[in-house]
Amino acid sequence: MVIFHTPQPFEPWNEGKLVGQKAPLKLKGIWAIRIRLQLGHKIRDLALFNLAIDSKLRACDLVKPRASDVSHGGQIASRAIVMQQKMGRPVQFEITQSNREAVQAWIAYADLKASDFLFCSRVAESSHLSTRQYARIVRRWVEDAGLEMGSYGTHTMRRTKASLIYRRTRNLRAVQLLRGHTKLESTVRYLGIDAEDALEIAERTDV
């Protein structure tokens, strides 16, 4: 006698879960976090947040700059260069005026010397902020701003400004240069551009 078992319904492993790249922040989210940091007088966190947005750096690169990498002659530079750990290549980024003020305020408050890490760790055995500590800080920012916890992470900070630049200009080449991508396809994947984006551009182009 053959016994047939009723197959159990298939449940996708990712059902109800958020997978893939973390979303970039929208302007509303940026200001929700920034204003809370300002009101809470979180001088270090405000400098870290602003630099994370401007620099578009990976977490492993963001935690390692020294004060001398962004400050020259006591003034915060409008542009800075750091060596990327993953790619082994230098990358240049801008620091906007308001963000320079936040970084300058942190350096003065913490009384940092040129050779000091910009974001020192509060853990004795580590000289600079670790990526794990940074990830916890980002989670706190997201939670305090009332944003969806599972949607954002450290990579959110890296993607945010590049995404805003693309949305405003639709200039893939500019984003490619800013990110240091060798292939345009990498920039497309990085931004998460899909058919909907292409259709929006086409709809605004009247010939």
C-alpha atoms as a PDB file:
ATOM      1  CA  MET A   1       0.000   0.000   0.000  1.00  0.00           C
ATOM      2  CA  VAL A   2       1.324   3.394  -0.988  1.00  0.00           C
ATOM      3  CA  ILE A   3       0.697   6.266   1.410  1.00  0.00           C
ATOM      4  CA  PHE A   4       0.600   9.720  -0.060  1.00  0.00           C
ATOM      5  CA  HIS A   5       1.540  12.653   2.124  1.00  0.00           C
ATOM      6  CA  THR A   6      -0.048  16.007   1.503  1.00  0.00           C
ATOM      7  CA  PRO A   7       2.787  18.413   0.664  1.00  0.00           C
ATOM      8  CA  GLN A   8       3.195  21.282   3.062  1.00  0.00           C
ATOM      9  CA  PRO A   9       2.732  24.737   1.542  1.00  0.00           C
ATOM     10  CA  PHE A  10       6.040  26.300   0.557  1.00  0.00           C
ATOM     11  CA  GLU A  11       7.010  29.297   2.654  1.00  0.00           C
ATOM     12  CA  PRO A  12       9.691  31.559   1.127  1.00  0.00           C
ATOM     13  CA  TRP A  13      12.647  32.050   3.485  1.00  0.00           C
ATOM     14  CA  ASN A  14      12.399  35.819   3.086  1.00  0.00           C
ATOM     15  CA  GLU A  15       8.636  36.159   3.523  1.00  0.00           C
ATOM     16  CA  GLY A  16       7.925  39.157   5.711  1.00  0.00           C
ATOM     17  CA  LYS A  17      11.610  40.019   5.957  1.00  0.00           C
ATOM     18  CA  LEU A  18      13.534  42.967   4.557  1.00  0.00           C
ATOM     19  CA  VAL A  19      16.452  41.780   2.436  1.00  0.00           C
ATOM     20  CA  GLY A  20      18.947  43.386   0.110  1.00  0.00           C
ATOM     21  CA  GLN A  21      20.606  46.762   0.376  1.00  0.00           C
ATOM     22  CA  LYS A  22      19.608  49.141   3.120  1.00  0.00           C
ATOM     23  CA  ALA A  23      17.603  52.102   1.877  1.00  0.00           C
ATOM     24  CA  PRO A  24      19.157  55.575   1.625  1.00  0.00           C
ATOM     25  CA  LEU A  25      17.660  58.284   3.796  1.00  0.00           C
ATOM     26  CA  LYS A  26      15.291  60.794   2.266  1.00  0.00           C
ATOM     27  CA  LEU A  27      15.596  64.484   3.153  1.00  0.00           C
ATOM     28  CA  LYS A  28      12.872  64.132   5.780  1.00  0.00           C
ATOM     29  CA  GLY A  29      14.823  61.344   7.468  1.00  0.00           C
ATOM     30  CA  ILE A  30      18.098  63.267   7.322  1.00  0.00           C
ATOM     31  CA  TRP A  31      16.583  66.248   9.082  1.00  0.00           C
ATOM     32  CA  ALA A  32      14.683  64.090  11.578  1.00  0.00           C
ATOM     33  CA  ILE A  33      18.015  62.669  12.753  1.00  0.00           C
ATOM     34  CA  ARG A  34      19.997  65.907  12.456  1.00  0.00           C
ATOM     35  CA  ILE A  35      17.535  68.034  14.432  1.00  0.00           C
ATOM     36  CA  ARG A  36      17.367  65.490  17.247  1.00  0.00           C
ATOM     37  CA  LEU A  37      21.158  65.441  17.475  1.00  0.00           C
ATOM     38  CA  GLN A  38      21.259  69.248  17.522  1.00  0.00           C
ATOM     39  CA  LEU A  39      18.553  69.536  20.189  1.00  0.00           C
ATOM     40  CA  GLY A  40      20.249  66.859  22.275  1.00  0.00           C
ATOM     41  CA  HIS A  41      23.611  68.641  22.012  1.00  0.00           C
ATOM     42  CA  LYS A  42      25.151  65.425  20.654  1.00  0.00           C
ATOM     43  CA  ILE A  43      28.262  67.134  19.329  1.00  0.00           C
ATOM     44  CA  ARG A  44      30.197  63.996  18.398  1.00  0.00           C
ATOM     45  CA  ASP A  45      27.201  62.229  16.874  1.00  0.00           C
ATOM     46  CA  LEU A  46      26.251  65.287  14.826  1.00  0.00           C
ATOM     47  CA  ALA A  47      29.774  65.508  13.390  1.00  0.00           C
ATOM     48  CA  LEU A  48      29.809  61.753  12.723  1.00  0.00           C
ATOM     49  CA  PHE A  49      26.394  61.806  11.052  1.00  0.00           C
ATOM     50  CA  ASN A  50      27.195  64.805   8.857  1.00  0.00           C
ATOM     51  CA  LEU A  51      30.565  63.416   7.815  1.00  0.00           C
ATOM     52  CA  ALA A  52      29.007  60.018   7.065  1.00  0.00           C
ATOM     53  CA  ILE A  53      26.503  61.670   4.713  1.00  0.00           C
ATOM     54  CA  ASP A  54      29.063  63.901   2.958  1.00  0.00           C
ATOM     55  CA  SER A  55      31.892  61.376   2.686  1.00  0.00           C
ATOM     56  CA  LYS A  56      29.828  58.450   1.359  1.00  0.00           C
ATOM     57  CA  LEU A  57      32.462  56.200   2.967  1.00  0.00           C
ATOM     58  CA  ARG A  58      32.112  52.597   4.062  1.00  0.00           C
ATOM     59  CA  ALA A  59      31.895  52.147   7.819  1.00  0.00           C
ATOM     60  CA  CYS A  60      35.432  50.697   7.940  1.00  0.00           C
ATOM     61  CA  ASP A  61      36.805  53.877   6.313  1.00  0.00           C
ATOM     62  CA  LEU A  62      34.606  56.380   8.134  1.00  0.00           C
ATOM     63  CA  VAL A  63      35.841  55.394  11.607  1.00  0.00           C
ATOM     64  CA  LYS A  64      39.555  55.748  10.816  1.00  0.00           C
ATOM     65  CA  PRO A  65      40.299  59.347   9.697  1.00  0.00           C
ATOM     66  CA  ARG A  66      42.444  61.460  11.991  1.00  0.00           C
ATOM     67  CA  ALA A  67      41.807  65.110  12.693  1.00  0.00           C
ATOM     68  CA  SER A  68      44.605  66.002  10.271  1.00  0.00           C
ATOM     69  CA  ASP A  69      42.751  64.266   7.422  1.00  0.00           C
ATOM     70  CA  VAL A  70      39.956  66.834   7.510  1.00  0.00           C
ATOM     71  CA  SER A  71      41.554  69.838   9.214  1.00  0.00           C
ATOM     72  CA  HIS A  72      44.413  72.024   7.996  1.00  0.00           C
ATOM     73  CA  GLY A  73      45.775  74.980   9.937  1.00  0.00           C
ATOM     74  CA  GLY A  74      42.911  74.780  12.383  1.00  0.00           C
ATOM     75  CA  GLN A  75      40.289  74.981   9.632  1.00  0.00           C
ATOM     76  CA  ILE A  76      38.130  72.160   8.307  1.00  0.00           C
ATOM     77  CA  ALA A  77      38.914  71.541   4.641  1.00  0.00           C
ATOM     78  CA  SER A  78      36.173  71.754   2.025  1.00  0.00           C
ATOM     79  CA  ARG A  79      37.562  68.543   0.511  1.00  0.00           C
ATOM     80  CA  ALA A  80      39.329  65.591   2.067  1.00  0.00           C
ATOM     81  CA  ILE A  81      41.029  62.433   0.827  1.00  0.00           C
ATOM     82  CA  VAL A  82      41.161  59.053   2.575  1.00  0.00           C
ATOM     83  CA  MET A  83      42.510  55.675   1.518  1.00  0.00           C
ATOM     84  CA  GLN A  84      39.802  53.063   1.041  1.00  0.00           C
ATOM     85  CA  GLN A  85      40.487  49.867   2.944  1.00  0.00           C
ATOM     86  CA  LYS A  86      38.564  47.590   0.567  1.00  0.00           C
ATOM     87  CA  MET A  87      39.675  49.076  -2.760  1.00  0.00           C
ATOM     88  CA  GLY A  88      43.158  50.206  -1.725  1.00  0.00           C
ATOM     89  CA  ARG A  89      42.608  53.470  -3.588  1.00  0.00           C
ATOM     90  CA  PRO A  90      42.277  57.044  -2.328  1.00  0.00           C
ATOM     91  CA  VAL A  91      38.860  58.648  -2.552  1.00  0.00           C
ATOM     92  CA  GLN A  92      38.091  62.357  -2.370  1.00  0.00           C
ATOM     93  CA  PHE A  93      34.928  63.792  -0.877  1.00  0.00           C
ATOM     94  CA  GLU A  94      33.439  67.182  -0.107  1.00  0.00           C
ATOM     95  CA  ILE A  95      32.551  68.590   3.309  1.00  0.00           C
ATOM     96  CA  THR A  96      29.803  71.200   3.036  1.00  0.00           C
ATOM     97  CA  GLN A  97      29.871  74.418   5.053  1.00  0.00           C
ATOM     98  CA  SER A  98      27.329  73.447   7.721  1.00  0.00           C
ATOM     99  CA  ASN A  99      28.961  70.061   8.123  1.00  0.00           C
ATOM    100  CA  ARG A 100      32.406  71.661   8.446  1.00  0.00           C
ATOM    101  CA  GLU A 101      31.022  73.676  11.343  1.00  0.00           C
ATOM    102  CA  ALA A 102      29.790  70.497  13.044  1.00  0.00           C
ATOM    103  CA  VAL A 103      33.163  68.749  12.635  1.00  0.00           C
ATOM    104  CA  GLN A 104      35.025  71.865  13.818  1.00  0.00           C
ATOM    105  CA  ALA A 105      32.785  72.051  16.911  1.00  0.00           C
ATOM    106  CA  TRP A 106      33.560  68.410  17.725  1.00  0.00           C
ATOM    107  CA  ILE A 107      37.331  68.828  17.326  1.00  0.00           C
ATOM    108  CA  ALA A 108      37.264  71.864  19.617  1.00  0.00           C
ATOM    109  CA  TYR A 109      34.970  70.200  22.177  1.00  0.00           C
ATOM    110  CA  ALA A 110      37.062  67.017  22.317  1.00  0.00           C
ATOM    111  CA  ASP A 111      40.313  69.025  22.190  1.00  0.00           C
ATOM    112  CA  LEU A 112      41.668  66.754  19.470  1.00  0.00           C
ATOM    113  CA  LYS A 113      45.234  67.047  18.246  1.00  0.00           C
ATOM    114  CA  ALA A 114      46.086  66.637  14.569  1.00  0.00           C
ATOM    115  CA  SER A 115      47.316  63.074  15.117  1.00  0.00           C
ATOM    116  CA  ASP A 116      44.226  61.975  17.072  1.00  0.00           C
ATOM    117  CA  PHE A 117      41.543  59.823  15.511  1.00  0.00           C
ATOM    118  CA  LEU A 118      38.581  61.988  14.674  1.00  0.00           C
ATOM    119  CA  PHE A 119      36.191  59.600  16.387  1.00  0.00           C
ATOM    120  CA  CYS A 120      37.949  57.988  19.314  1.00  0.00           C
ATOM    121  CA  SER A 121      36.560  54.854  20.887  1.00  0.00           C
ATOM    122  CA  ARG A 122      35.267  54.908  24.425  1.00  0.00           C
ATOM    123  CA  VAL A 123      36.487  51.327  24.804  1.00  0.00           C
ATOM    124  CA  ALA A 124      39.960  51.156  26.328  1.00  0.00           C
ATOM    125  CA  GLU A 125      41.386  48.515  23.996  1.00  0.00           C
ATOM    126  CA  SER A 126      40.410  50.342  20.801  1.00  0.00           C
ATOM    127  CA  SER A 127      41.945  53.609  19.605  1.00  0.00           C
ATOM    128  CA  HIS A 128      39.164  54.583  17.210  1.00  0.00           C
ATOM    129  CA  LEU A 129      35.454  53.908  16.958  1.00  0.00           C
ATOM    130  CA  SER A 130      34.839  50.348  15.770  1.00  0.00           C
ATOM    131  CA  THR A 131      32.439  49.479  12.967  1.00  0.00           C
ATOM    132  CA  ARG A 132      30.325  47.591  15.503  1.00  0.00           C
ATOM    133  CA  GLN A 133      30.091  50.661  17.723  1.00  0.00           C
ATOM    134  CA  TYR A 134      29.235  52.763  14.679  1.00  0.00           C
ATOM    135  CA  ALA A 135      26.469  50.331  13.716  1.00  0.00           C
ATOM    136  CA  ARG A 136      24.958  50.638  17.206  1.00  0.00           C
ATOM    137  CA  ILE A 137      25.099  54.436  16.957  1.00  0.00           C
ATOM    138  CA  VAL A 138      23.316  54.366  13.587  1.00  0.00           C
ATOM    139  CA  ARG A 139      20.602  52.097  15.012  1.00  0.00           C
ATOM    140  CA  ARG A 140      20.094  54.584  17.828  1.00  0.00           C
ATOM    141  CA  TRP A 141      19.787  57.475  15.360  1.00  0.00           C
ATOM    142  CA  VAL A 142      17.191  55.577  13.340  1.00  0.00           C
ATOM    143  CA  GLU A 143      15.217  54.515  16.404  1.00  0.00           C
ATOM    144  CA  ASP A 144      15.205  57.987  17.977  1.00  0.00           C
ATOM    145  CA  ALA A 145      13.990  59.520  14.709  1.00  0.00           C
ATOM    146  CA  GLY A 146      11.080  57.080  14.580  1.00  0.00           C
ATOM    147  CA  LEU A 147      12.215  55.473  11.316  1.00  0.00           C
ATOM    148  CA  GLU A 148      11.750  51.825  10.378  1.00  0.00           C
ATOM    149  CA  MET A 149      14.589  50.006  12.139  1.00  0.00           C
ATOM    150  CA  GLY A 150      14.974  47.175   9.640  1.00  0.00           C
ATOM    151  CA  SER A 151      15.181  49.459   6.629  1.00  0.00           C
ATOM    152  CA  TYR A 152      18.321  51.400   7.538  1.00  0.00           C
ATOM    153  CA  GLY A 153      21.881  50.655   8.590  1.00  0.00           C
ATOM    154  CA  THR A 154      25.447  51.864   8.203  1.00  0.00           C
ATOM    155  CA  HIS A 155      25.291  51.389   4.435  1.00  0.00           C
ATOM    156  CA  THR A 156      22.353  53.800   4.442  1.00  0.00           C
ATOM    157  CA  MET A 157      24.751  56.601   5.360  1.00  0.00           C
ATOM    158  CA  ARG A 158      27.029  55.645   2.466  1.00  0.00           C
ATOM    159  CA  ARG A 159      24.220  55.602  -0.111  1.00  0.00           C
ATOM    160  CA  THR A 160      22.199  58.624   0.967  1.00  0.00           C
ATOM    161  CA  LYS A 161      23.973  61.563  -0.692  1.00  0.00           C
ATOM    162  CA  ALA A 162      24.773  59.664  -3.880  1.00  0.00           C
ATOM    163  CA  SER A 163      21.098  58.741  -4.146  1.00  0.00           C
ATOM    164  CA  LEU A 164      20.022  62.368  -3.628  1.00  0.00           C
ATOM    165  CA  ILE A 165      22.508  63.573  -6.250  1.00  0.00           C
ATOM    166  CA  TYR A 166      21.154  61.066  -8.763  1.00  0.00           C
ATOM    167  CA  ARG A 167      17.516  61.872  -7.987  1.00  0.00           C
ATOM    168  CA  ARG A 168      18.147  65.584  -8.505  1.00  0.00           C
ATOM    169  CA  THR A 169      20.392  65.419 -11.563  1.00  0.00           C
ATOM    170  CA  ARG A 170      19.934  61.937 -13.095  1.00  0.00           C
ATOM    171  CA  ASN A 171      23.671  62.173 -13.761  1.00  0.00           C
ATOM    172  CA  LEU A 172      25.021  58.639 -13.434  1.00  0.00           C
ATOM    173  CA  ARG A 173      28.501  59.672 -14.518  1.00  0.00           C
ATOM    174  CA  ALA A 174      28.788  62.179 -11.663  1.00  0.00           C
ATOM    175  CA  VAL A 175      27.804  59.534  -9.120  1.00  0.00           C
ATOM    176  CA  GLN A 176      30.197  57.065 -10.727  1.00  0.00           C
ATOM    177  CA  LEU A 177      33.092  59.511 -10.296  1.00  0.00           C
ATOM    178  CA  LEU A 178      32.119  60.357  -6.719  1.00  0.00           C
ATOM    179  CA  ARG A 179      31.960  56.690  -5.769  1.00  0.00           C
ATOM    180  CA  GLY A 180      35.104  55.725  -7.669  1.00  0.00           C
ATOM    181  CA  HIS A 181      33.350  52.951  -9.602  1.00  0.00           C
ATOM    182  CA  THR A 182      35.256  51.645 -12.613  1.00  0.00           C
ATOM    183  CA  LYS A 183      32.083  50.411 -14.341  1.00  0.00           C
ATOM    184  CA  LEU A 184      28.811  52.260 -14.818  1.00  0.00           C
ATOM    185  CA  GLU A 185      26.975  48.993 -14.136  1.00  0.00           C
ATOM    186  CA  SER A 186      28.350  49.084 -10.595  1.00  0.00           C
ATOM    187  CA  THR A 187      26.852  52.555 -10.109  1.00  0.00           C
ATOM    188  CA  VAL A 188      23.488  51.375 -11.412  1.00  0.00           C
ATOM    189  CA  ARG A 189      23.463  48.467  -8.934  1.00  0.00           C
ATOM    190  CA  TYR A 190      24.691  50.731  -6.141  1.00  0.00           C
ATOM    191  CA  LEU A 191      21.829  53.186  -6.664  1.00  0.00           C
ATOM    192  CA  GLY A 192      19.259  50.442  -7.179  1.00  0.00           C
ATOM    193  CA  ILE A 193      18.085  51.960 -10.442  1.00  0.00           C
ATOM    194  CA  ASP A 194      15.277  49.992 -12.043  1.00  0.00           C
ATOM    195  CA  ALA A 195      12.827  50.207 -14.956  1.00  0.00           C
ATOM    196  CA  GLU A 196      10.597  52.607 -13.016  1.00  0.00           C
ATOM    197  CA  ASP A 197      13.443  55.139 -12.825  1.00  0.00           C
ATOM    198  CA  ALA A 198      14.029  54.837 -16.570  1.00  0.00           C
ATOM    199  CA  LEU A 199      10.332  55.357 -17.289  1.00  0.00           C
ATOM    200  CA  GLU A 200      10.206  58.469 -15.076  1.00  0.00           C
ATOM    201  CA  ILE A 201      13.104  59.974 -17.028  1.00  0.00           C
ATOM    202  CA  ALA A 202      11.454  59.094 -20.352  1.00  0.00           C
ATOM    203  CA  GLU A 203       8.155  60.663 -19.270  1.00  0.00           C
ATOM    204  CA  ARG A 204       9.888  63.979 -18.563  1.00  0.00           C
ATOM    205  CA  THR A 205      11.577  63.982 -21.980  1.00  0.00           C
ATOM    206  CA  ASP A 206       9.298  65.495 -24.627  1.00  0.00           C
ATOM    207  CA  VAL A 207      10.525  65.161 -28.215  1.00  0.00           C
END
